[in-house]
């Protein structure tokens, strides 16, 4: 399938939002038998929370259900991606003040606890607390090792993939709003650079050479935490003469919320299913653990690979507000802006 840069950029954005919403309904099942019991042998689309869940994350499922979240809705992480999308679409560029004003409005609706909003993760709780203590945005970010900033950075990759200088500047500002640990920020930066390369027509099997070159580039290179992180996007399992069920692969990397667990699994799904958005994202969802974050990252990568035109329409139609997000994603991809 032939795609345009704009189609791939819009696909990256929509892929991230779709992945988030697909993972929300069955989020954080670490016992796959429990996931299968509640949702059947294969989660094949958007699903409601299970308020009767008996596992250790049942309280979060009940909270989200009671908050009114249903199949196709975004998590709070997805909300923050969407808010950045809305900001960049409205302004036509990354405007940090515009985005942080939007975040401040969201923070006014939260109470700083986990059971707040649509469920508030560690990084956002820390950032909320720092903002409420009077810290400026430049100092408010968390030391959390999670992937929310990487997911959000997909929007910036879509806007600036053709201008690495502006992309680097935007990433280094936006990521640190919520994630100030330099190693974690570097992981997030690297992920966004990979997404940008896919938008700029890199094939997944070219990422090894492309990222090696970018590591040596004076503009992009200084911001990678290490060569090994920059080189992660290749498929390390391809060289092994063994067969592994894709759903089991995240267990090799780790099922929990650490970005160093999540991103390699997302790269694996990109390399395993470079032309099949549905297989990639649903494999990420059905593999359990922090499947919502893993599916978001996978959706961004494979969405950038196949383009919006390669994402099954049922995933767009089932996403709450999907048609509106497509309009915004296309505007950001084309840099046209919207009113």
Protein backbone atom coordinates (compact mmCIF):
# COMPACT_ATOMS: atom_id res chain seq x y z
CA UNK A 1 0.00 0.00 0.00
CA UNK A 2 1.32 3.43 -0.97
CA UNK A 3 0.90 6.11 1.68
CA UNK A 4 1.73 9.81 1.94
CA UNK A 5 3.62 11.54 4.73
CA UNK A 6 0.38 13.17 5.88
CA UNK A 7 -1.41 9.81 5.96
CA UNK A 8 1.39 8.27 8.02
CA UNK A 9 1.48 11.22 10.43
CA UNK A 10 -2.28 11.06 10.97
CA UNK A 11 -1.98 7.29 11.35
CA UNK A 12 0.57 7.67 14.14
CA UNK A 13 -1.69 10.00 16.11
CA UNK A 14 -4.83 7.96 15.61
CA UNK A 15 -2.93 4.74 16.30
CA UNK A 16 -1.87 6.04 19.71
CA UNK A 17 -5.40 7.13 20.65
CA UNK A 18 -6.93 3.87 19.40
CA UNK A 19 -4.36 1.80 21.29
CA UNK A 20 -5.10 3.67 24.50
CA UNK A 21 -8.85 3.14 24.21
CA UNK A 22 -8.51 -0.52 23.20
CA UNK A 23 -6.41 -1.21 26.29
CA UNK A 24 -8.54 0.76 28.73
CA UNK A 25 -11.36 -1.75 29.14
CA UNK A 26 -9.07 -4.66 30.07
CA UNK A 27 -6.19 -2.71 31.59
CA UNK A 28 -3.70 -4.21 34.04
CA UNK A 29 -4.47 -7.91 33.97
CA UNK A 30 -1.26 -9.59 35.11
CA UNK A 31 -2.91 -13.01 35.32
CA UNK A 32 -3.83 -13.86 31.74
CA UNK A 33 -6.24 -16.57 32.87
CA UNK A 34 -8.27 -13.86 34.60
CA UNK A 35 -8.18 -11.73 31.42
CA UNK A 36 -9.47 -14.67 29.37
CA UNK A 37 -12.13 -15.46 31.95
CA UNK A 38 -13.48 -11.90 31.88
CA UNK A 39 -13.09 -11.16 28.16
CA UNK A 40 -12.86 -14.46 26.33
CA UNK A 41 -10.03 -16.01 24.35
CA UNK A 42 -9.24 -12.85 22.36
CA UNK A 43 -10.06 -9.18 22.94
CA UNK A 44 -10.89 -8.04 19.42
CA UNK A 45 -12.17 -4.51 20.01
CA UNK A 46 -13.22 -1.87 22.50
CA UNK A 47 -14.61 -3.32 25.71
CA UNK A 48 -16.29 -2.03 28.86
CA UNK A 49 -14.65 -2.21 32.25
CA UNK A 50 -15.50 -5.28 34.32
CA UNK A 51 -16.67 -3.79 37.66
CA UNK A 52 -16.87 -7.28 39.18
CA UNK A 53 -13.19 -8.00 38.59
CA UNK A 54 -11.71 -10.01 41.44
CA UNK A 55 -7.99 -9.42 40.81
CA UNK A 56 -5.82 -6.77 42.45
CA UNK A 57 -6.76 -4.09 39.91
CA UNK A 58 -10.49 -4.63 40.24
CA UNK A 59 -10.85 -1.45 42.32
CA UNK A 60 -9.51 0.61 39.42
CA UNK A 61 -11.88 -1.07 36.97
CA UNK A 62 -14.81 -0.33 39.30
CA UNK A 63 -13.69 3.26 39.74
CA UNK A 64 -13.48 3.82 36.00
CA UNK A 65 -16.83 2.11 35.45
CA UNK A 66 -18.45 4.28 38.10
CA UNK A 67 -16.91 7.35 36.49
CA UNK A 68 -18.87 6.48 33.36
CA UNK A 69 -16.02 5.23 31.17
CA UNK A 70 -17.24 2.81 28.53
CA UNK A 71 -15.95 0.99 25.46
CA UNK A 72 -14.12 3.40 23.15
CA UNK A 73 -13.31 6.03 25.78
CA UNK A 74 -9.80 7.31 26.41
CA UNK A 75 -7.90 6.99 29.67
CA UNK A 76 -6.51 10.06 31.40
CA UNK A 77 -3.26 9.44 29.54
CA UNK A 78 -5.25 9.40 26.32
CA UNK A 79 -6.93 12.65 27.36
CA UNK A 80 -3.52 14.30 27.68
CA UNK A 81 -2.50 13.07 24.23
CA UNK A 82 -5.76 14.43 22.85
CA UNK A 83 -5.21 17.76 24.61
CA UNK A 84 -1.80 18.11 22.95
CA UNK A 85 -3.39 17.20 19.63
CA UNK A 86 -6.04 19.89 20.14
CA UNK A 87 -3.42 22.44 21.12
CA UNK A 88 -1.11 21.82 18.17
CA UNK A 89 -4.05 21.76 15.77
CA UNK A 90 -5.40 25.06 17.12
CA UNK A 91 -2.09 26.91 17.17
CA UNK A 92 -0.50 25.22 14.17
CA UNK A 93 2.67 24.52 16.16
CA UNK A 94 3.78 23.41 19.60
CA UNK A 95 3.02 26.25 21.99
CA UNK A 96 4.00 25.20 25.49
CA UNK A 97 1.97 27.88 27.23
CA UNK A 98 -1.15 26.90 25.35
CA UNK A 99 -0.68 23.24 26.25
CA UNK A 100 0.19 23.79 29.90
CA UNK A 101 -2.83 26.08 30.29
CA UNK A 102 -4.92 23.15 29.14
CA UNK A 103 -3.16 20.85 31.59
CA UNK A 104 -3.75 23.30 34.42
CA UNK A 105 -7.46 23.23 33.59
CA UNK A 106 -7.40 19.44 33.76
CA UNK A 107 -5.48 19.53 37.04
CA UNK A 108 -8.20 21.72 38.58
CA UNK A 109 -10.58 18.77 38.18
CA UNK A 110 -8.24 16.32 39.97
CA UNK A 111 -7.53 15.86 43.67
CA UNK A 112 -4.00 14.50 43.42
CA UNK A 113 -4.90 10.92 44.33
CA UNK A 114 -4.90 7.88 42.08
CA UNK A 115 -8.69 7.62 42.21
CA UNK A 116 -9.24 10.95 40.51
CA UNK A 117 -10.35 11.86 37.01
CA UNK A 118 -10.20 8.70 34.91
CA UNK A 119 -7.47 7.33 37.24
CA UNK A 120 -4.36 9.41 37.76
CA UNK A 121 -1.00 7.73 37.25
CA UNK A 122 2.18 8.22 39.26
CA UNK A 123 3.80 10.81 36.95
CA UNK A 124 0.69 12.99 36.84
CA UNK A 125 0.14 12.74 40.61
CA UNK A 126 3.69 13.99 41.17
CA UNK A 127 3.29 16.77 38.61
CA UNK A 128 -0.08 17.76 40.09
CA UNK A 129 1.47 17.97 43.56
CA UNK A 130 4.37 20.08 42.33
CA UNK A 131 2.09 22.46 40.50
CA UNK A 132 -0.13 22.79 43.55
CA UNK A 133 2.98 23.53 45.62
CA UNK A 134 3.62 26.50 43.35
CA UNK A 135 6.40 25.08 41.18
CA UNK A 136 6.58 26.38 37.60
CA UNK A 137 6.03 23.90 34.80
CA UNK A 138 9.77 23.81 34.11
CA UNK A 139 10.27 22.24 37.56
CA UNK A 140 7.02 20.33 38.07
CA UNK A 141 7.76 17.03 36.35
CA UNK A 142 8.07 13.63 38.03
CA UNK A 143 10.92 11.15 38.35
CA UNK A 144 8.51 8.38 37.30
CA UNK A 145 9.85 5.75 34.90
CA UNK A 146 6.63 5.46 32.88
CA UNK A 147 5.78 5.99 29.20
CA UNK A 148 3.10 8.69 29.15
CA UNK A 149 5.45 11.34 27.75
CA UNK A 150 6.56 9.00 24.96
CA UNK A 151 2.94 8.35 23.97
CA UNK A 152 2.15 12.07 23.99
CA UNK A 153 5.24 12.88 21.92
CA UNK A 154 3.67 11.08 18.97
CA UNK A 155 1.74 14.27 18.23
CA UNK A 156 4.99 16.25 18.01
CA UNK A 157 6.57 13.61 15.79
CA UNK A 158 3.60 13.95 13.45
CA UNK A 159 3.89 17.74 13.35
CA UNK A 160 7.67 18.04 13.02
CA UNK A 161 8.92 14.82 11.41
CA UNK A 162 10.30 16.76 8.44
CA UNK A 163 12.20 19.27 10.62
CA UNK A 164 14.41 17.50 13.11
CA UNK A 165 15.63 20.71 14.71
CA UNK A 166 12.13 21.82 15.65
CA UNK A 167 11.21 18.28 16.62
CA UNK A 168 14.16 18.00 19.01
CA UNK A 169 13.31 21.33 20.64
CA UNK A 170 9.62 20.48 21.04
CA UNK A 171 10.34 17.02 22.43
CA UNK A 172 12.87 18.22 24.98
CA UNK A 173 10.37 20.77 26.28
CA UNK A 174 7.21 18.69 26.27
CA UNK A 175 8.57 15.43 27.64
CA UNK A 176 10.02 17.13 30.71
CA UNK A 177 6.71 18.68 31.67
CA UNK A 178 5.85 15.35 33.31
CA UNK A 179 9.07 13.26 33.18
CA UNK A 180 12.27 14.92 34.40
CA UNK A 181 14.52 11.90 34.87
CA UNK A 182 17.06 12.26 32.08
CA UNK A 183 17.23 8.56 31.27
CA UNK A 184 13.44 8.22 31.07
CA UNK A 185 13.17 11.45 29.09
CA UNK A 186 15.79 10.08 26.71
CA UNK A 187 13.81 6.88 26.24
CA UNK A 188 10.72 8.96 25.43
CA UNK A 189 12.70 11.16 23.04
CA UNK A 190 14.08 8.10 21.25
CA UNK A 191 10.62 6.62 20.78
CA UNK A 192 9.35 9.84 19.22
CA UNK A 193 12.33 9.97 16.85
CA UNK A 194 11.53 6.42 15.72
CA UNK A 195 7.90 7.44 15.06
CA UNK A 196 9.14 10.44 13.08
CA UNK A 197 11.38 8.21 10.96
CA UNK A 198 8.45 5.95 10.13
CA UNK A 199 6.40 8.99 9.17
CA UNK A 200 9.27 10.02 6.91
CA UNK A 201 8.87 6.72 5.03
CA UNK A 202 11.47 4.59 6.80
CA UNK A 203 10.58 0.93 6.57
CA UNK A 204 10.74 -0.93 9.89
CA UNK A 205 13.68 -2.98 8.61
CA UNK A 206 15.56 0.27 7.89
CA UNK A 207 15.30 1.63 11.43
CA UNK A 208 18.55 0.04 12.55
CA UNK A 209 20.64 1.98 10.02
CA UNK A 210 18.57 5.14 10.28
CA UNK A 211 18.79 5.36 14.04
CA UNK A 212 22.52 4.62 13.97
CA UNK A 213 22.97 7.59 11.65
CA UNK A 214 20.81 9.82 13.83
CA UNK A 215 22.87 8.87 16.88
CA UNK A 216 25.88 10.38 15.10
CA UNK A 217 23.98 13.43 13.88
CA UNK A 218 24.92 16.65 15.75
CA UNK A 219 21.28 17.75 16.04
CA UNK A 220 19.60 14.55 17.17
CA UNK A 221 22.52 12.58 18.61
CA UNK A 222 23.24 14.43 21.87
CA UNK A 223 19.76 13.73 23.22
CA UNK A 224 19.81 9.93 23.03
CA UNK A 225 20.60 8.39 26.44
CA UNK A 226 22.88 5.81 24.82
CA UNK A 227 23.60 4.12 21.50
CA UNK A 228 21.88 0.97 22.76
CA UNK A 229 18.63 2.85 23.40
CA UNK A 230 18.85 4.52 19.99
CA UNK A 231 19.36 1.10 18.41
CA UNK A 232 16.42 -0.65 20.11
CA UNK A 233 13.94 -0.31 17.27
CA UNK A 234 15.31 -3.30 15.36
CA UNK A 235 13.81 -6.70 16.10
CA UNK A 236 16.19 -8.52 18.47
CA UNK A 237 14.13 -11.73 18.30
CA UNK A 238 14.40 -12.08 14.52
CA UNK A 239 17.92 -13.46 14.84
CA UNK A 240 16.72 -16.24 17.15
CA UNK A 241 15.72 -19.47 15.45
CA UNK A 242 12.71 -20.01 17.71
CA UNK A 243 8.96 -19.59 17.45
CA UNK A 244 7.28 -17.43 20.11
CA UNK A 245 3.60 -16.60 20.32
CA UNK A 246 3.52 -12.78 19.92
CA UNK A 247 1.22 -12.48 22.94
CA UNK A 248 3.94 -14.06 25.10
CA UNK A 249 6.74 -11.72 23.98
CA UNK A 250 5.95 -8.90 26.47
CA UNK A 251 6.61 -11.39 29.27
CA UNK A 252 10.20 -11.53 28.04
CA UNK A 253 10.58 -7.76 28.32
CA UNK A 254 8.37 -7.29 31.39
CA UNK A 255 4.64 -6.66 31.79
CA UNK A 256 4.81 -3.68 34.16
CA UNK A 257 4.70 0.07 33.58
CA UNK A 258 8.41 0.87 33.18
CA UNK A 259 9.15 2.44 29.81
CA UNK A 260 12.16 0.15 29.42
CA UNK A 261 9.76 -2.80 29.45
CA UNK A 262 7.08 -1.29 27.25
CA UNK A 263 8.99 0.26 24.38
CA UNK A 264 10.98 -2.86 23.34
CA UNK A 265 7.74 -4.87 23.23
CA UNK A 266 6.13 -2.17 21.06
CA UNK A 267 9.13 -2.27 18.72
CA UNK A 268 8.75 -6.03 18.54
CA UNK A 269 5.11 -5.73 17.49
CA UNK A 270 6.08 -3.17 14.84
CA UNK A 271 8.69 -5.52 13.40
CA UNK A 272 6.44 -8.59 13.70
CA UNK A 273 3.37 -6.93 12.12
CA UNK A 274 4.68 -3.92 10.13
CA UNK A 275 1.72 -3.94 7.72
CA UNK A 276 -1.05 -5.19 10.01
CA UNK A 277 -2.30 -2.61 12.49
CA UNK A 278 -5.01 -4.85 13.90
CA UNK A 279 -2.72 -7.81 14.60
CA UNK A 280 -0.07 -5.61 16.19
CA UNK A 281 -2.30 -3.58 18.49
CA UNK A 282 -4.59 -6.43 19.52
CA UNK A 283 -1.55 -8.59 20.31
CA UNK A 284 -0.34 -5.77 22.57
CA UNK A 285 -3.76 -5.59 24.25
CA UNK A 286 -4.10 -9.35 24.75
CA UNK A 287 -0.65 -9.71 26.29
CA UNK A 288 -1.76 -8.32 29.66
CA UNK A 289 0.07 -6.22 32.24
CA UNK A 290 0.18 -2.57 31.27
CA UNK A 291 -1.41 -3.46 27.97
CA UNK A 292 -2.96 -0.02 27.62
CA UNK A 293 0.40 1.76 27.50
CA UNK A 294 1.92 -1.00 25.35
CA UNK A 295 -0.99 -0.78 22.88
CA UNK A 296 -0.69 3.02 22.76
CA UNK A 297 2.99 2.83 21.85
CA UNK A 298 2.39 0.00 19.39
CA UNK A 299 -0.49 1.90 17.81
CA UNK A 300 1.68 4.96 17.27
CA UNK A 301 4.45 2.93 15.64
CA UNK A 302 2.34 0.73 13.40
CA UNK A 303 -0.05 3.59 12.64
CA UNK A 304 2.97 5.52 11.35
CA UNK A 305 4.00 2.48 9.33
CA UNK A 306 0.65 1.78 7.63
CA UNK A 307 -0.88 5.25 7.69
CA UNK A 308 -4.40 6.25 8.68
CA UNK A 309 -5.59 4.53 5.51
CA UNK A 310 -4.19 1.25 6.86
CA UNK A 311 -6.09 1.39 10.17
CA UNK A 312 -9.34 -0.59 10.03
CA UNK A 313 -12.27 1.81 9.97
CA UNK A 314 -14.03 -0.03 12.79
CA UNK A 315 -11.34 1.19 15.21
CA UNK A 316 -11.95 4.80 14.18
CA UNK A 317 -15.72 4.42 14.32
CA UNK A 318 -15.64 2.80 17.77
CA UNK A 319 -13.37 5.42 19.33
CA UNK A 320 -15.34 8.01 21.28
CA UNK A 321 -14.94 11.26 19.32
CA UNK A 322 -13.05 9.37 16.62
CA UNK A 323 -14.24 11.46 13.67
CA UNK A 324 -13.20 14.66 15.41
CA UNK A 325 -9.79 13.27 16.28
CA UNK A 326 -9.28 12.28 12.64
CA UNK A 327 -9.95 15.87 11.60
CA UNK A 328 -7.47 17.18 14.15
CA UNK A 329 -4.87 14.55 13.24
CA UNK A 330 -5.11 15.40 9.57
CA UNK A 331 -4.77 19.09 10.34
CA UNK A 332 -1.63 18.51 12.40
CA UNK A 333 -0.24 16.16 9.74
CA UNK A 334 -0.82 18.76 7.04
CA UNK A 335 0.08 21.70 9.30
CA UNK A 336 -3.10 23.47 8.26
CA UNK A 337 -4.48 24.31 11.71
CA UNK A 338 -8.14 24.27 12.68
CA UNK A 339 -10.44 26.77 14.34
